[in-house]
Amino acid sequence: MSKSHRGEGSDDRGPSHRLLRVGENLRHALSEIFARGELRDPSLDGVSVTVTEVRCSPDLRNATIFVMPLGGVHEKDVVDGLNRCSKYIRGQLSRMVRMKYLPNLKFTSDGSFGEADHIEELLHSPHVAQDLDKD
């Protein structure tokens, strides 16, 4: 079956170059919106939010935005606040990013920071350290 019949981004190699480019453009625009501090939600007052990744569906109708508040403080509250403001954010994005259809936005917390901390903790544990000292 040819690539045109399978749909864009549906093969085993991961997302297409187009999906990655669109996601990166959305990430930059979202970072700009958050830097302006125009979101009027109590859980977002004075919070600096980092947009780590934007993953778009192959049809570009939905986007999952991975975010992390500075220091990981009140992570769930910040994500809930962003999801409440998603329609306003989508409207702001429509002025900044030129697309035929702007995707629906779903914010979620980025777990990669916690995973990195866990791996770092494992590498510094005494059990692993004793294996490294055998050399």
C-alpha atoms as a PDB file:
ATOM      1  CA  MET A   1       0.000   0.000   0.000  1.00  0.00           C
ATOM      2  CA  SER A   2       1.418   3.379  -0.935  1.00  0.00           C
ATOM      3  CA  LYS A   3       1.945   6.182   1.550  1.00  0.00           C
ATOM      4  CA  SER A   4      -0.869   8.245   0.025  1.00  0.00           C
ATOM      5  CA  HIS A   5      -3.409   5.530   0.920  1.00  0.00           C
ATOM      6  CA  ARG A   6      -2.261   5.101   4.518  1.00  0.00           C
ATOM      7  CA  GLY A   7      -2.694   8.728   5.510  1.00  0.00           C
ATOM      8  CA  GLU A   8      -0.123  11.217   6.621  1.00  0.00           C
ATOM      9  CA  GLY A   9       1.847  10.326   9.727  1.00  0.00           C
ATOM     10  CA  SER A  10       0.278   6.876  10.116  1.00  0.00           C
ATOM     11  CA  ASP A  11       3.346   4.761   9.365  1.00  0.00           C
ATOM     12  CA  ASP A  12       5.801   3.285  11.865  1.00  0.00           C
ATOM     13  CA  ARG A  13       8.368   6.052  11.403  1.00  0.00           C
ATOM     14  CA  GLY A  14       6.478   8.559  13.565  1.00  0.00           C
ATOM     15  CA  PRO A  15       4.961  11.900  12.687  1.00  0.00           C
ATOM     16  CA  SER A  16       5.631  13.429   9.299  1.00  0.00           C
ATOM     17  CA  HIS A  17       7.799  16.476   8.756  1.00  0.00           C
ATOM     18  CA  ARG A  18       4.647  18.538   8.199  1.00  0.00           C
ATOM     19  CA  LEU A  19       3.130  17.519  11.551  1.00  0.00           C
ATOM     20  CA  LEU A  20       6.369  18.331  13.345  1.00  0.00           C
ATOM     21  CA  ARG A  21       6.613  21.734  11.638  1.00  0.00           C
ATOM     22  CA  VAL A  22       3.004  22.649  12.481  1.00  0.00           C
ATOM     23  CA  GLY A  23       3.492  21.520  16.079  1.00  0.00           C
ATOM     24  CA  GLU A  24       6.617  23.637  16.423  1.00  0.00           C
ATOM     25  CA  ASN A  25       4.867  26.707  14.972  1.00  0.00           C
ATOM     26  CA  LEU A  26       2.005  26.249  17.432  1.00  0.00           C
ATOM     27  CA  ARG A  27       4.490  25.819  20.311  1.00  0.00           C
ATOM     28  CA  HIS A  28       6.202  29.112  19.514  1.00  0.00           C
ATOM     29  CA  ALA A  29       2.881  30.965  19.205  1.00  0.00           C
ATOM     30  CA  LEU A  30       1.599  29.489  22.486  1.00  0.00           C
ATOM     31  CA  SER A  31       4.802  30.526  24.246  1.00  0.00           C
ATOM     32  CA  GLU A  32       4.243  34.082  23.034  1.00  0.00           C
ATOM     33  CA  ILE A  33       0.644  34.074  24.281  1.00  0.00           C
ATOM     34  CA  PHE A  34       1.699  32.815  27.712  1.00  0.00           C
ATOM     35  CA  ALA A  35       4.546  35.342  27.911  1.00  0.00           C
ATOM     36  CA  ARG A  36       2.070  38.224  27.425  1.00  0.00           C
ATOM     37  CA  GLY A  37       0.172  37.107  30.536  1.00  0.00           C
ATOM     38  CA  GLU A  38      -3.309  37.889  29.168  1.00  0.00           C
ATOM     39  CA  LEU A  39      -5.012  34.774  30.545  1.00  0.00           C
ATOM     40  CA  ARG A  40      -7.591  35.704  33.175  1.00  0.00           C
ATOM     41  CA  ASP A  41      -7.866  32.523  35.192  1.00  0.00           C
ATOM     42  CA  PRO A  42      -7.097  32.561  38.933  1.00  0.00           C
ATOM     43  CA  SER A  43      -4.961  29.423  38.698  1.00  0.00           C
ATOM     44  CA  LEU A  44      -2.761  31.072  36.040  1.00  0.00           C
ATOM     45  CA  ASP A  45      -2.072  34.382  37.829  1.00  0.00           C
ATOM     46  CA  GLY A  46       1.654  34.921  38.162  1.00  0.00           C
ATOM     47  CA  VAL A  47       2.529  31.452  36.872  1.00  0.00           C
ATOM     48  CA  SER A  48       5.170  30.997  34.207  1.00  0.00           C
ATOM     49  CA  VAL A  49       4.212  28.128  31.884  1.00  0.00           C
ATOM     50  CA  THR A  50       6.642  26.262  29.641  1.00  0.00           C
ATOM     51  CA  VAL A  51       5.291  24.626  26.486  1.00  0.00           C
ATOM     52  CA  THR A  52       7.511  21.586  25.974  1.00  0.00           C
ATOM     53  CA  GLU A  53       5.815  19.940  22.999  1.00  0.00           C
ATOM     54  CA  VAL A  54       2.778  20.126  20.733  1.00  0.00           C
ATOM     55  CA  ARG A  55       1.563  16.927  19.090  1.00  0.00           C
ATOM     56  CA  CYS A  56      -0.959  17.267  16.294  1.00  0.00           C
ATOM     57  CA  SER A  57      -3.251  14.551  15.009  1.00  0.00           C
ATOM     58  CA  PRO A  58      -2.583  13.461  11.401  1.00  0.00           C
ATOM     59  CA  ASP A  59      -5.645  15.387  10.176  1.00  0.00           C
ATOM     60  CA  LEU A  60      -4.510  18.520  12.102  1.00  0.00           C
ATOM     61  CA  ARG A  61      -7.905  18.794  13.831  1.00  0.00           C
ATOM     62  CA  ASN A  62      -6.645  18.132  17.378  1.00  0.00           C
ATOM     63  CA  ALA A  63      -3.500  19.137  19.211  1.00  0.00           C
ATOM     64  CA  THR A  64      -2.204  17.924  22.548  1.00  0.00           C
ATOM     65  CA  ILE A  65      -0.058  20.537  24.252  1.00  0.00           C
ATOM     66  CA  PHE A  66       2.406  19.354  26.891  1.00  0.00           C
ATOM     67  CA  VAL A  67       3.045  22.064  29.476  1.00  0.00           C
ATOM     68  CA  MET A  68       4.911  22.442  32.739  1.00  0.00           C
ATOM     69  CA  PRO A  69       4.597  25.334  35.193  1.00  0.00           C
ATOM     70  CA  LEU A  70       7.863  26.776  36.419  1.00  0.00           C
ATOM     71  CA  GLY A  71       9.103  24.576  39.237  1.00  0.00           C
ATOM     72  CA  GLY A  72       6.223  22.122  38.759  1.00  0.00           C
ATOM     73  CA  VAL A  73       4.170  24.031  41.365  1.00  0.00           C
ATOM     74  CA  HIS A  74       0.367  23.500  41.260  1.00  0.00           C
ATOM     75  CA  GLU A  75       0.718  21.481  38.060  1.00  0.00           C
ATOM     76  CA  LYS A  76      -2.819  20.075  38.006  1.00  0.00           C
ATOM     77  CA  ASP A  77      -4.413  23.468  38.732  1.00  0.00           C
ATOM     78  CA  VAL A  78      -2.440  25.131  35.935  1.00  0.00           C
ATOM     79  CA  VAL A  79      -3.381  22.433  33.405  1.00  0.00           C
ATOM     80  CA  ASP A  80      -7.050  22.690  34.431  1.00  0.00           C
ATOM     81  CA  GLY A  81      -6.888  26.487  34.066  1.00  0.00           C
ATOM     82  CA  LEU A  82      -5.357  26.214  30.609  1.00  0.00           C
ATOM     83  CA  ASN A  83      -8.062  23.774  29.517  1.00  0.00           C
ATOM     84  CA  ARG A  84     -10.721  26.228  30.777  1.00  0.00           C
ATOM     85  CA  CYS A  85      -9.079  29.007  28.717  1.00  0.00           C
ATOM     86  CA  SER A  86      -8.511  26.840  25.637  1.00  0.00           C
ATOM     87  CA  LYS A  87     -11.153  28.607  23.505  1.00  0.00           C
ATOM     88  CA  TYR A  88      -9.651  32.015  24.240  1.00  0.00           C
ATOM     89  CA  ILE A  89      -6.152  30.666  23.544  1.00  0.00           C
ATOM     90  CA  ARG A  90      -7.389  29.150  20.292  1.00  0.00           C
ATOM     91  CA  GLY A  91      -8.778  32.534  19.265  1.00  0.00           C
ATOM     92  CA  GLN A  92      -5.439  34.188  20.004  1.00  0.00           C
ATOM     93  CA  LEU A  93      -3.641  31.476  18.021  1.00  0.00           C
ATOM     94  CA  SER A  94      -5.889  32.106  15.013  1.00  0.00           C
ATOM     95  CA  ARG A  95      -4.454  35.632  14.808  1.00  0.00           C
ATOM     96  CA  MET A  96      -0.864  34.395  14.963  1.00  0.00           C
ATOM     97  CA  VAL A  97      -0.775  31.137  12.981  1.00  0.00           C
ATOM     98  CA  ARG A  98      -2.095  30.824   9.454  1.00  0.00           C
ATOM     99  CA  MET A  99      -3.866  27.474   9.000  1.00  0.00           C
ATOM    100  CA  LYS A 100      -6.959  26.330   7.151  1.00  0.00           C
ATOM    101  CA  TYR A 101      -8.310  24.743  10.350  1.00  0.00           C
ATOM    102  CA  LEU A 102      -6.911  25.591  13.746  1.00  0.00           C
ATOM    103  CA  PRO A 103      -6.832  22.423  15.867  1.00  0.00           C
ATOM    104  CA  ASN A 104      -8.824  21.931  19.051  1.00  0.00           C
ATOM    105  CA  LEU A 105      -6.463  22.311  21.994  1.00  0.00           C
ATOM    106  CA  LYS A 106      -6.046  19.895  24.885  1.00  0.00           C
ATOM    107  CA  PHE A 107      -3.501  20.744  27.561  1.00  0.00           C
ATOM    108  CA  THR A 108      -1.777  18.068  29.604  1.00  0.00           C
ATOM    109  CA  SER A 109       1.166  18.044  31.967  1.00  0.00           C
ATOM    110  CA  ASP A 110       4.523  16.881  30.683  1.00  0.00           C
ATOM    111  CA  GLY A 111       5.710  13.826  32.593  1.00  0.00           C
ATOM    112  CA  SER A 112       9.173  13.751  31.038  1.00  0.00           C
ATOM    113  CA  PHE A 113      10.627  15.952  33.796  1.00  0.00           C
ATOM    114  CA  GLY A 114       9.501  13.489  36.462  1.00  0.00           C
ATOM    115  CA  GLU A 115      10.894  10.586  34.456  1.00  0.00           C
ATOM    116  CA  ALA A 116      14.255  12.336  34.091  1.00  0.00           C
ATOM    117  CA  ASP A 117      14.381  12.982  37.855  1.00  0.00           C
ATOM    118  CA  HIS A 118      13.570   9.319  38.524  1.00  0.00           C
ATOM    119  CA  ILE A 119      16.335   8.108  36.188  1.00  0.00           C
ATOM    120  CA  GLU A 120      18.798  10.536  37.784  1.00  0.00           C
ATOM    121  CA  GLU A 121      17.812   9.232  41.216  1.00  0.00           C
ATOM    122  CA  LEU A 122      18.325   5.635  40.087  1.00  0.00           C
ATOM    123  CA  LEU A 123      21.746   6.395  38.640  1.00  0.00           C
ATOM    124  CA  HIS A 124      22.883   7.969  41.915  1.00  0.00           C
ATOM    125  CA  SER A 125      21.478   5.205  44.133  1.00  0.00           C
ATOM    126  CA  PRO A 126      24.009   3.197  46.195  1.00  0.00           C
ATOM    127  CA  HIS A 127      23.068  -0.050  44.443  1.00  0.00           C
ATOM    128  CA  VAL A 128      24.006   1.311  41.016  1.00  0.00           C
ATOM    129  CA  ALA A 129      27.023   3.172  42.403  1.00  0.00           C
ATOM    130  CA  GLN A 130      28.549  -0.060  43.679  1.00  0.00           C
ATOM    131  CA  ASP A 131      28.342  -1.550  40.176  1.00  0.00           C
ATOM    132  CA  LEU A 132      30.085   1.487  38.724  1.00  0.00           C
ATOM    133  CA  ASP A 133      32.897   1.333  41.313  1.00  0.00           C
ATOM    134  CA  LYS A 134      33.857  -2.274  40.371  1.00  0.00           C
ATOM    135  CA  ASP A 135      35.962  -1.010  37.473  1.00  0.00           C
END
